[in-house]
Amino acid sequence: MAPFSLMTAGVSLLAKSFNVFSCTSILARSTRILPATYFSLGKSLSTSTSNDGRPKAPINSYFRYLVQQRPFVVRQNPAMKLTEVSRKIGQQWNTLSPEEKRPFEVAALRDREQFKKDLEQYQARLTPAQIEQIQRQMLAKRNATSKKRELTSLGKPKRNRTSFNMFMSEQFDKARGHDNMAKMKSMNDNWKRLLTYQKQVYIQQAEDDVVRYKNEMRSWENRMVEIGRIGLLRKHTINDRKRAAKKVTAAECAAERRLWLSQRVLQLNLQHPRSRQSQKLQEVQQGPFGEQNKHKIY
């Protein structure tokens, strides 16, 4: 896999793993490192919009505090893991008095009201066709989320990871940088500088993970067949099962045909021990299998 593709895959994985800390680059650059009581009430976090122009819902009061305090905590504790940073900020939030929390709550409420106004204006500009398309998209998203939740509850195995993912998981806490993107860039540079024999360790781990995934998926799909959830099987698995079923059916038909022919020939021999073989062959060809036995001589 090319380095750029590896980095893209890593960013996607990190975005899922650390979505609690995600924010826009502009917000990260413009957020001042100040105590909670000095948080600017003029700062609005609800002005961003999605690709289709729909306004995004603002974050709540706690996440505003998290976004504002996280750079300060990371700078003071550079060796601390991101999960520990989040835990530390959560503990700080719980110790704040109602007066100290009020600026964040007021700002969150103000952004919430602004979001409602922006959403009403956005909906007023939509055509009936656009509304119908959005409804379909929302339904598809809900169905996808519901299916993912169901697969998780059924214990579907996690997909195998690439060699770079293995390297990233091991080196992330040691990587340089104050945010996820900086760490990703640092790890990508380190990966490029690794020698072939050094990468081979992670390549072997990735190959082992492929074997693990295949074995777990085979076992999981067999269990889905047992409980009657064949629709959850992968497409190529369903096709393989269909081809195997056709082979079994063809073999059973051939065995049944051979059995009938042998019984019929035996019966003719008992009834006409001195009859010519052509007569017996004609009798057989007129049986239920007809022309299938035209060229067979017993």
Protein backbone atom coordinates (compact mmCIF):
# COMPACT_ATOMS: atom_id res chain seq x y z
CA MET A 1 0.00 0.00 0.00
CA ALA A 2 1.35 3.44 -0.87
CA PRO A 3 2.38 5.74 2.02
CA PHE A 4 -0.40 8.20 1.22
CA SER A 5 -3.00 5.41 1.31
CA LEU A 6 -1.52 4.14 4.55
CA MET A 7 -1.73 7.57 6.07
CA THR A 8 -5.31 7.94 4.88
CA ALA A 9 -6.27 4.63 6.43
CA GLY A 10 -4.55 5.60 9.65
CA VAL A 11 -6.32 8.93 9.81
CA SER A 12 -9.65 7.17 9.30
CA LEU A 13 -8.88 4.76 12.13
CA LEU A 14 -7.78 7.54 14.44
CA ALA A 15 -10.86 9.56 13.65
CA LYS A 16 -13.00 6.64 14.84
CA SER A 17 -10.85 5.91 17.86
CA PHE A 18 -10.40 9.46 19.06
CA ASN A 19 -13.52 11.22 17.82
CA VAL A 20 -13.99 12.68 21.28
CA PHE A 21 -11.03 14.94 20.64
CA SER A 22 -11.79 15.85 17.03
CA CYS A 23 -12.30 19.48 16.03
CA THR A 24 -11.61 21.63 13.04
CA SER A 25 -8.11 22.87 12.40
CA ILE A 26 -9.30 26.46 12.52
CA LEU A 27 -10.82 25.92 15.95
CA ALA A 28 -7.67 24.21 17.18
CA ARG A 29 -5.54 27.17 16.06
CA SER A 30 -7.86 29.83 17.38
CA THR A 31 -8.67 28.30 20.81
CA ARG A 32 -6.85 30.18 23.54
CA ILE A 33 -5.25 28.28 26.42
CA LEU A 34 -7.00 29.90 29.36
CA PRO A 35 -8.67 28.75 32.55
CA ALA A 36 -12.30 27.81 32.26
CA THR A 37 -13.57 31.01 33.83
CA TYR A 38 -11.95 33.07 31.03
CA PHE A 39 -13.63 31.21 28.22
CA SER A 40 -14.85 33.66 25.61
CA LEU A 41 -18.63 33.81 25.41
CA GLY A 42 -18.34 35.32 21.95
CA LYS A 43 -16.87 32.15 20.51
CA SER A 44 -19.48 30.25 18.47
CA LEU A 45 -19.04 26.59 17.57
CA SER A 46 -22.26 26.23 15.53
CA THR A 47 -21.29 28.13 12.39
CA SER A 48 -19.84 25.11 10.59
CA THR A 49 -21.91 23.41 7.92
CA SER A 50 -21.83 20.05 6.17
CA ASN A 51 -21.08 19.52 2.48
CA ASP A 52 -24.73 19.98 1.55
CA GLY A 53 -25.00 23.25 3.46
CA ARG A 54 -26.86 21.85 6.45
CA PRO A 55 -25.73 23.48 9.73
CA LYS A 56 -24.07 21.16 12.19
CA ALA A 57 -25.34 20.88 15.72
CA PRO A 58 -23.10 22.62 18.29
CA ILE A 59 -21.26 20.75 21.02
CA ASN A 60 -22.49 20.80 24.60
CA SER A 61 -20.97 22.63 27.54
CA TYR A 62 -18.62 19.83 28.59
CA PHE A 63 -17.12 19.38 25.12
CA ARG A 64 -16.61 23.12 24.88
CA TYR A 65 -14.59 22.85 28.07
CA LEU A 66 -12.76 19.82 26.67
CA VAL A 67 -11.80 21.61 23.46
CA GLN A 68 -10.64 24.66 25.40
CA GLN A 69 -8.61 22.79 28.03
CA ARG A 70 -7.13 19.92 26.06
CA PRO A 71 -4.19 21.83 24.46
CA PHE A 72 -3.28 23.22 27.89
CA VAL A 73 -3.30 19.76 29.54
CA VAL A 74 -1.35 18.17 26.67
CA ARG A 75 1.30 20.90 26.84
CA GLN A 76 1.66 20.46 30.58
CA ASN A 77 1.75 16.62 30.29
CA PRO A 78 3.40 15.72 26.96
CA ALA A 79 3.89 12.04 27.92
CA MET A 80 0.26 11.52 28.92
CA LYS A 81 -1.93 9.34 26.71
CA LEU A 82 -4.97 10.89 25.04
CA THR A 83 -7.34 8.71 27.04
CA GLU A 84 -5.68 9.89 30.24
CA VAL A 85 -5.94 13.50 29.05
CA SER A 86 -9.65 13.06 28.51
CA ARG A 87 -10.05 11.45 31.94
CA LYS A 88 -8.11 14.25 33.62
CA ILE A 89 -10.22 16.95 31.94
CA GLY A 90 -13.38 15.08 32.91
CA GLN A 91 -12.25 15.05 36.53
CA GLN A 92 -11.54 18.78 36.35
CA TRP A 93 -15.02 19.39 34.93
CA ASN A 94 -16.63 17.47 37.77
CA THR A 95 -14.83 19.61 40.35
CA LEU A 96 -15.96 22.92 38.80
CA SER A 97 -18.56 24.90 40.68
CA PRO A 98 -21.86 25.86 39.00
CA GLU A 99 -20.51 29.41 38.61
CA GLU A 100 -17.41 28.13 36.81
CA LYS A 101 -19.51 25.93 34.50
CA ARG A 102 -22.02 28.67 33.70
CA PRO A 103 -19.96 30.40 30.96
CA PHE A 104 -19.75 27.14 29.01
CA GLU A 105 -23.42 26.37 29.57
CA VAL A 106 -24.50 29.84 28.47
CA ALA A 107 -22.34 29.66 25.35
CA ALA A 108 -23.69 26.17 24.52
CA LEU A 109 -27.30 27.36 24.99
CA ARG A 110 -26.70 30.42 22.80
CA ASP A 111 -25.16 28.27 20.04
CA ARG A 112 -28.07 25.86 20.33
CA GLU A 113 -30.57 28.63 19.74
CA GLN A 114 -28.53 29.89 16.78
CA PHE A 115 -28.42 26.36 15.37
CA LYS A 116 -32.23 26.13 15.50
CA LYS A 117 -32.54 29.38 13.53
CA ASP A 118 -29.94 28.29 10.97
CA LEU A 119 -31.68 24.93 10.60
CA GLU A 120 -35.06 26.56 9.97
CA GLN A 121 -33.54 28.82 7.30
CA TYR A 122 -31.84 25.83 5.68
CA GLN A 123 -35.05 23.79 5.61
CA ALA A 124 -37.00 26.72 4.16
CA ARG A 125 -34.66 26.81 1.14
CA LEU A 126 -35.10 23.12 0.32
CA THR A 127 -37.20 21.92 -2.60
CA PRO A 128 -39.54 18.89 -2.25
CA ALA A 129 -37.07 16.79 -4.23
CA GLN A 130 -34.23 17.77 -1.89
CA ILE A 131 -36.35 16.99 1.16
CA GLU A 132 -37.16 13.55 -0.23
CA GLN A 133 -33.48 12.91 -0.98
CA ILE A 134 -32.44 13.94 2.54
CA GLN A 135 -35.09 11.66 4.03
CA ARG A 136 -33.75 8.74 1.99
CA GLN A 137 -30.22 9.51 3.11
CA MET A 138 -31.25 9.72 6.76
CA LEU A 139 -33.13 6.42 6.46
CA ALA A 140 -30.13 4.74 4.85
CA LYS A 141 -27.87 6.10 7.59
CA ARG A 142 -30.19 4.85 10.32
CA ASN A 143 -30.39 1.44 8.69
CA ALA A 144 -26.61 1.26 8.39
CA THR A 145 -26.19 2.25 12.03
CA SER A 146 -28.80 -0.28 13.11
CA LYS A 147 -27.13 -3.04 11.07
CA LYS A 148 -23.71 -2.20 12.47
CA ARG A 149 -25.10 -2.32 16.01
CA GLU A 150 -26.75 -5.66 15.27
CA LEU A 151 -23.55 -7.15 13.83
CA THR A 152 -21.66 -6.00 16.91
CA SER A 153 -24.22 -7.66 19.19
CA LEU A 154 -23.91 -10.87 17.15
CA GLY A 155 -20.15 -10.86 17.69
CA LYS A 156 -18.97 -10.27 14.12
CA PRO A 157 -15.14 -10.33 14.09
CA LYS A 158 -13.20 -7.14 13.52
CA ARG A 159 -11.47 -6.77 10.17
CA ASN A 160 -7.78 -7.43 9.87
CA ARG A 161 -5.33 -4.55 10.15
CA THR A 162 -2.57 -3.52 7.77
CA SER A 163 1.12 -3.49 8.61
CA PHE A 164 1.05 0.29 8.99
CA ASN A 165 -1.92 0.01 11.35
CA MET A 166 0.14 -2.39 13.47
CA PHE A 167 3.02 0.07 13.50
CA MET A 168 0.70 2.97 14.29
CA SER A 169 -0.92 1.19 17.25
CA GLU A 170 2.48 0.44 18.75
CA GLN A 171 4.12 3.81 18.14
CA PHE A 172 1.26 6.29 18.56
CA ASP A 173 1.90 7.14 22.21
CA LYS A 174 5.60 7.66 21.43
CA ALA A 175 5.05 9.81 18.33
CA ARG A 176 5.90 13.49 18.35
CA GLY A 177 3.16 16.09 18.05
CA HIS A 178 0.52 17.85 20.14
CA ASP A 179 -2.48 16.64 18.11
CA ASN A 180 -3.55 13.60 16.11
CA MET A 181 -2.57 14.99 12.73
CA ALA A 182 0.93 15.90 13.92
CA LYS A 183 1.38 12.45 15.41
CA MET A 184 0.16 10.85 12.18
CA LYS A 185 2.65 12.84 10.12
CA SER A 186 5.44 11.89 12.49
CA MET A 187 4.53 8.19 12.33
CA ASN A 188 4.25 8.26 8.54
CA ASP A 189 7.75 9.75 8.30
CA ASN A 190 9.08 7.14 10.71
CA TRP A 191 7.44 4.37 8.68
CA LYS A 192 9.11 5.57 5.50
CA ARG A 193 12.49 5.55 7.22
CA LEU A 194 12.15 1.96 8.43
CA LEU A 195 14.35 -0.60 6.75
CA THR A 196 12.87 -3.65 5.03
CA TYR A 197 13.76 -6.06 7.84
CA GLN A 198 12.25 -3.64 10.39
CA LYS A 199 8.97 -3.46 8.46
CA GLN A 200 8.91 -7.24 8.13
CA VAL A 201 7.91 -7.54 11.80
CA TYR A 202 4.71 -5.57 11.21
CA ILE A 203 4.10 -7.24 7.84
CA GLN A 204 4.18 -10.64 9.56
CA GLN A 205 1.79 -9.38 12.24
CA ALA A 206 -0.59 -8.19 9.52
CA GLU A 207 -0.43 -11.58 7.75
CA ASP A 208 -1.19 -13.35 11.03
CA ASP A 209 -4.12 -11.00 11.56
CA VAL A 210 -5.46 -11.93 8.09
CA VAL A 211 -5.44 -15.60 9.11
CA ARG A 212 -7.14 -14.71 12.38
CA TYR A 213 -9.86 -12.76 10.58
CA LYS A 214 -10.53 -15.51 8.03
CA ASN A 215 -10.82 -18.19 10.70
CA GLU A 216 -13.07 -16.09 12.92
CA MET A 217 -15.28 -15.07 9.98
CA ARG A 218 -15.64 -18.70 8.85
CA SER A 219 -16.69 -19.73 12.34
CA TRP A 220 -19.03 -16.73 12.69
CA GLU A 221 -20.70 -17.35 9.32
CA ASN A 222 -21.27 -21.00 10.18
CA ARG A 223 -23.00 -19.88 13.35
CA MET A 224 -25.15 -17.42 11.38
CA VAL A 225 -26.24 -20.30 9.12
CA GLU A 226 -27.18 -22.35 12.17
CA ILE A 227 -29.43 -19.61 13.58
CA GLY A 228 -30.98 -18.86 10.17
CA ARG A 229 -29.27 -15.51 9.44
CA ILE A 230 -27.93 -16.42 6.00
CA GLY A 231 -28.52 -12.85 4.80
CA LEU A 232 -25.63 -11.67 6.99
CA LEU A 233 -23.10 -13.79 5.13
CA ARG A 234 -20.64 -12.17 2.76
CA LYS A 235 -21.54 -12.25 -0.94
CA HIS A 236 -18.69 -14.54 -1.98
CA THR A 237 -19.56 -16.91 0.87
CA ILE A 238 -23.15 -17.16 -0.36
CA ASN A 239 -21.92 -17.80 -3.92
CA ASP A 240 -19.55 -20.53 -2.70
CA ARG A 241 -22.36 -22.21 -0.80
CA LYS A 242 -24.61 -22.10 -3.90
CA ARG A 243 -21.91 -23.68 -6.09
CA ALA A 244 -21.29 -26.38 -3.48
CA ALA A 245 -25.03 -27.09 -3.26
CA LYS A 246 -25.24 -27.46 -7.07
CA LYS A 247 -22.35 -29.94 -7.06
CA VAL A 248 -24.02 -31.99 -4.33
CA THR A 249 -27.35 -31.97 -6.19
CA ALA A 250 -25.69 -33.06 -9.45
CA ALA A 251 -23.82 -35.84 -7.66
CA GLU A 252 -27.02 -37.05 -5.99
CA CYS A 253 -28.86 -37.07 -9.32
CA ALA A 254 -26.06 -39.03 -10.97
CA ALA A 255 -26.02 -41.57 -8.14
CA GLU A 256 -29.80 -41.95 -8.33
CA ARG A 257 -29.63 -42.44 -12.11
CA ARG A 258 -26.94 -45.10 -11.82
CA LEU A 259 -28.92 -46.91 -9.13
CA TRP A 260 -32.09 -46.96 -11.24
CA LEU A 261 -30.23 -48.18 -14.33
CA SER A 262 -28.55 -51.01 -12.46
CA GLN A 263 -31.84 -52.09 -10.92
CA ARG A 264 -33.61 -51.95 -14.28
CA VAL A 265 -30.92 -53.97 -16.06
CA LEU A 266 -31.02 -56.56 -13.30
CA GLN A 267 -34.78 -56.77 -13.61
CA LEU A 268 -34.57 -57.27 -17.40
CA ASN A 269 -31.97 -59.98 -16.99
CA LEU A 270 -34.22 -61.82 -14.60
CA GLN A 271 -37.26 -61.48 -16.86
CA HIS A 272 -35.50 -62.21 -20.18
CA PRO A 273 -32.26 -64.05 -19.54
CA ARG A 274 -31.78 -64.88 -23.26
CA SER A 275 -32.91 -61.56 -24.78
CA ARG A 276 -30.50 -59.61 -26.87
CA GLN A 277 -28.68 -56.66 -25.33
CA SER A 278 -30.19 -54.29 -27.87
CA GLN A 279 -33.63 -55.11 -26.54
CA LYS A 280 -32.53 -54.45 -22.97
CA LEU A 281 -30.91 -51.19 -24.03
CA GLN A 282 -34.12 -50.07 -25.68
CA GLU A 283 -36.05 -50.82 -22.51
CA VAL A 284 -33.60 -48.77 -20.47
CA GLN A 285 -33.71 -45.82 -22.87
CA GLN A 286 -37.46 -45.66 -22.56
CA GLY A 287 -37.21 -45.29 -18.77
CA PRO A 288 -37.60 -42.05 -16.77
CA PHE A 289 -34.12 -40.81 -17.73
CA GLY A 290 -34.72 -41.17 -21.47
CA GLU A 291 -32.05 -39.84 -23.78
CA GLN A 292 -29.56 -39.37 -20.92
CA ASN A 293 -28.75 -43.09 -21.19
CA LYS A 294 -28.80 -43.35 -24.98
CA HIS A 295 -25.06 -43.92 -25.32
CA LYS A 296 -24.62 -46.07 -22.21
CA ILE A 297 -24.33 -49.86 -22.74
CA TYR A 298 -24.56 -52.18 -19.78
